[in-house]
Amino acid sequence: MAKVISTLFISADGVAEIDPDWHFPYFDENMGRAVGEDYDTADVLLIGRETYDSFAGAWPDREAAGGDDAPFAKQLGDVRKVVVSRQPLEFSWRNSELIKGDLLDAVTSLKADAGIRGILIPGSISVVQQLLAAGLIDELRLLVHPVAARKGRRLFDDGDAPYHLRMTATEAFPTGVIRVIYSPTEAPIKVGYDEVKDQVPDGR
């Protein structure tokens, strides 16, 4: 089964809607490496309409300009891009296609496709939220910025049940950004205060 990986820039208070004012000051070679590693996991990008419009409005021109970011722009152009949209789209960026049918059914089919190594979701908060709720996300790769954004859309929306996560890797960058990789997991055994009271400080 192909892994579905969500990669997000996120603030310390959980805002995943990027504001350039709090994001770009922390983008260094370490974050660039982490982003590259995330994209190297996948041969399919799954992206929402807004993220697609943002990417398609910038990366083809950057590829054509031939600057420092042109190789990454070419990588984005070459990869298969599956776009989640309720409206029909006319694509100008190569290797782009509209998702077929229901999101959950389509992602289940992509995961089961033996020809697909991995599926990466950059940004696309609403897509990630739907797939988290359906249990279809295999990894959350978060680049947590040392800033409380205080406004903007958060990754974890209100719901009836918590999401339990298992940390599989962490890395702290000199900028204060923390890279953390989580996998969804089962809830821990339920305990109350009586089971943990022997762990409180001894008051010395």
Protein backbone atom coordinates (compact mmCIF):
# COMPACT_ATOMS: atom_id res chain seq x y z
CA MET A 1 0.00 0.00 0.00
CA ALA A 2 1.27 3.47 -0.87
CA LYS A 3 1.71 5.80 2.09
CA VAL A 4 -0.31 9.00 2.29
CA ILE A 5 1.85 11.73 3.83
CA SER A 6 0.72 15.22 4.80
CA THR A 7 3.44 17.88 4.90
CA LEU A 8 2.64 21.23 6.49
CA PHE A 9 4.28 24.40 7.72
CA ILE A 10 2.57 25.15 11.02
CA SER A 11 2.81 27.67 13.85
CA ALA A 12 3.27 26.78 17.51
CA ASP A 13 -0.45 27.42 18.11
CA GLY A 14 -1.51 25.06 15.33
CA VAL A 15 -2.17 27.47 12.44
CA ALA A 16 -1.42 25.75 9.13
CA GLU A 17 -2.58 28.58 6.88
CA ILE A 18 0.76 30.11 5.95
CA ASP A 19 1.42 33.80 6.41
CA PRO A 20 4.67 34.74 4.60
CA ASP A 21 5.48 37.18 7.41
CA TRP A 22 5.91 34.34 9.94
CA HIS A 23 7.01 31.61 7.55
CA PHE A 24 9.84 32.88 5.35
CA PRO A 25 12.09 34.28 8.13
CA TYR A 26 12.52 30.68 9.31
CA PHE A 27 13.13 29.06 5.92
CA ASP A 28 16.77 27.95 5.81
CA GLU A 29 18.81 25.12 4.32
CA ASN A 30 17.55 22.72 7.00
CA MET A 31 13.94 23.36 6.14
CA GLY A 32 14.76 23.14 2.45
CA ARG A 33 16.33 19.73 3.02
CA ALA A 34 13.30 18.55 5.03
CA VAL A 35 10.92 19.70 2.30
CA GLY A 36 13.00 17.92 -0.32
CA GLU A 37 12.93 14.70 1.70
CA ASP A 38 9.15 14.92 1.98
CA TYR A 39 8.70 15.37 -1.77
CA ASP A 40 11.10 12.55 -2.50
CA THR A 41 8.73 10.11 -0.77
CA ALA A 42 6.06 10.44 -3.43
CA ASP A 43 5.26 10.08 -7.09
CA VAL A 44 1.76 11.56 -6.71
CA LEU A 45 0.81 14.94 -5.25
CA LEU A 46 -2.73 15.16 -3.90
CA ILE A 47 -3.73 18.80 -3.57
CA GLY A 48 -6.80 20.91 -3.00
CA ARG A 49 -8.03 23.49 -5.47
CA GLU A 50 -6.61 26.50 -3.62
CA THR A 51 -3.20 24.91 -3.20
CA TYR A 52 -3.18 23.88 -6.85
CA ASP A 53 -4.04 27.41 -8.00
CA SER A 54 -1.22 28.78 -5.84
CA PHE A 55 1.32 26.27 -7.10
CA ALA A 56 0.27 26.49 -10.75
CA GLY A 57 0.39 30.28 -10.58
CA ALA A 58 4.03 30.28 -9.49
CA TRP A 59 6.08 27.14 -10.15
CA PRO A 60 5.82 26.90 -13.97
CA ASP A 61 7.14 30.46 -14.25
CA ARG A 62 9.94 29.68 -11.80
CA GLU A 63 10.91 26.64 -13.84
CA ALA A 64 10.97 28.73 -17.00
CA ALA A 65 13.02 31.47 -15.33
CA GLY A 66 15.85 29.03 -14.63
CA GLY A 67 16.78 30.41 -11.22
CA ASP A 68 18.00 28.66 -8.10
CA ASP A 69 14.56 27.12 -7.56
CA ALA A 70 14.17 25.86 -11.15
CA PRO A 71 15.20 22.23 -10.41
CA PHE A 72 12.56 21.92 -7.68
CA ALA A 73 10.04 23.65 -9.94
CA LYS A 74 10.79 21.05 -12.63
CA GLN A 75 10.32 18.25 -10.08
CA LEU A 76 6.89 19.65 -9.24
CA GLY A 77 6.02 19.95 -12.91
CA ASP A 78 7.09 16.40 -13.69
CA VAL A 79 5.23 14.70 -10.83
CA ARG A 80 1.64 13.51 -11.23
CA LYS A 81 -0.76 15.97 -9.60
CA VAL A 82 -4.25 14.86 -8.57
CA VAL A 83 -6.43 17.86 -7.73
CA VAL A 84 -9.42 17.78 -5.40
CA SER A 85 -12.14 20.12 -6.66
CA ARG A 86 -15.92 20.07 -6.86
CA GLN A 87 -15.75 22.14 -10.05
CA PRO A 88 -14.35 21.08 -13.43
CA LEU A 89 -10.95 22.58 -14.18
CA GLU A 90 -8.91 23.37 -17.25
CA PHE A 91 -5.28 22.55 -16.48
CA SER A 92 -2.37 24.51 -17.89
CA TRP A 93 0.30 22.82 -15.74
CA ARG A 94 1.53 19.50 -17.09
CA ASN A 95 0.71 16.18 -15.43
CA SER A 96 -2.36 17.60 -13.67
CA GLU A 97 -5.70 15.81 -13.42
CA LEU A 98 -8.98 16.13 -11.57
CA ILE A 99 -9.71 13.55 -8.90
CA LYS A 100 -12.20 10.95 -10.04
CA GLY A 101 -15.31 10.52 -7.90
CA ASP A 102 -15.49 10.66 -4.12
CA LEU A 103 -12.32 11.80 -2.30
CA LEU A 104 -12.17 8.88 0.13
CA ASP A 105 -12.83 6.28 -2.57
CA ALA A 106 -10.25 7.86 -4.87
CA VAL A 107 -7.55 7.98 -2.19
CA THR A 108 -8.26 4.38 -1.20
CA SER A 109 -7.76 3.39 -4.85
CA LEU A 110 -4.55 5.41 -5.13
CA LYS A 111 -3.17 3.74 -1.98
CA ALA A 112 -3.93 0.32 -3.43
CA ASP A 113 -2.33 1.05 -6.83
CA ALA A 114 0.80 -1.08 -7.09
CA GLY A 115 2.35 1.44 -9.44
CA ILE A 116 2.29 4.24 -6.85
CA ARG A 117 5.10 4.49 -4.32
CA GLY A 118 3.75 7.33 -2.20
CA ILE A 119 1.16 10.11 -2.10
CA LEU A 120 2.12 13.52 -0.70
CA ILE A 121 -0.35 16.20 0.37
CA PRO A 122 1.34 19.61 0.59
CA GLY A 123 -0.82 22.14 2.42
CA SER A 124 -4.46 21.52 1.43
CA ILE A 125 -5.81 21.70 4.98
CA SER A 126 -9.39 20.66 4.19
CA VAL A 127 -8.19 17.59 2.27
CA VAL A 128 -5.96 16.56 5.20
CA GLN A 129 -8.79 17.05 7.69
CA GLN A 130 -11.14 14.82 5.69
CA LEU A 131 -8.53 12.09 5.29
CA LEU A 132 -7.53 12.25 8.96
CA ALA A 133 -11.16 11.77 9.97
CA ALA A 134 -11.39 8.77 7.62
CA GLY A 135 -8.17 7.19 8.90
CA LEU A 136 -6.41 7.50 5.53
CA ILE A 137 -3.39 9.59 6.59
CA ASP A 138 -0.28 7.50 7.31
CA GLU A 139 2.04 10.32 8.40
CA LEU A 140 1.84 13.96 9.43
CA ARG A 141 5.12 15.74 8.74
CA LEU A 142 5.00 19.09 10.51
CA LEU A 143 7.53 21.92 10.44
CA VAL A 144 6.57 23.74 13.62
CA HIS A 145 7.63 27.40 13.60
CA PRO A 146 8.52 29.15 16.88
CA VAL A 147 5.70 31.65 16.54
CA ALA A 148 2.10 31.85 17.74
CA ALA A 149 0.29 33.05 14.64
CA ARG A 150 -2.92 33.81 16.57
CA LYS A 151 -5.03 33.88 13.41
CA GLY A 152 -5.57 31.64 10.43
CA ARG A 153 -6.92 28.20 9.78
CA ARG A 154 -5.77 25.45 12.10
CA LEU A 155 -4.92 21.89 11.16
CA PHE A 156 -6.97 20.22 13.88
CA ASP A 157 -10.60 21.27 13.70
CA ASP A 158 -13.24 20.79 16.38
CA GLY A 159 -14.55 17.25 16.69
CA ASP A 160 -15.97 14.67 19.04
CA ALA A 161 -12.89 12.48 19.48
CA PRO A 162 -9.18 13.25 19.84
CA TYR A 163 -6.59 12.12 17.32
CA HIS A 164 -3.88 10.07 19.01
CA LEU A 165 -0.46 10.28 17.40
CA ARG A 166 2.78 8.33 17.68
CA MET A 167 5.94 10.40 17.23
CA THR A 168 8.36 8.64 14.88
CA ALA A 169 11.01 11.34 14.41
CA THR A 170 11.97 14.84 15.58
CA GLU A 171 14.66 17.31 14.59
CA ALA A 172 15.34 20.81 15.94
CA PHE A 173 16.77 23.42 13.58
CA PRO A 174 18.97 26.38 14.64
CA THR A 175 16.12 28.74 13.70
CA GLY A 176 13.93 27.21 16.41
CA VAL A 177 11.80 25.29 13.91
CA ILE A 178 11.04 21.74 15.04
CA ARG A 179 10.44 19.03 12.47
CA VAL A 180 8.18 16.35 13.89
CA ILE A 181 6.78 13.28 12.15
CA TYR A 182 3.66 11.64 13.57
CA SER A 183 1.74 8.53 12.65
CA PRO A 184 -1.87 8.03 13.78
CA THR A 185 -2.16 5.40 16.49
CA GLU A 186 -4.60 3.82 18.90
CA ALA A 187 -5.62 5.65 22.08
CA PRO A 188 -3.54 4.80 25.15
CA ILE A 189 -5.04 2.77 27.96
CA LYS A 190 -7.40 4.96 29.96
CA VAL A 191 -6.00 6.01 33.34
CA GLY A 192 -7.00 8.48 36.02
CA TYR A 193 -5.20 10.42 38.71
CA ASP A 194 -5.07 7.48 41.09
CA GLU A 195 -2.93 5.56 38.59
CA VAL A 196 -0.36 8.37 38.19
CA LYS A 197 -0.26 10.05 41.60
CA ASP A 198 2.96 8.23 42.51
CA GLN A 199 4.64 10.18 39.69
CA VAL A 200 3.97 13.68 41.01
CA PRO A 201 6.95 15.67 42.38
CA ASP A 202 7.99 14.67 45.88
CA GLY A 203 8.10 18.26 47.10
CA ARG A 204 11.79 18.40 47.93
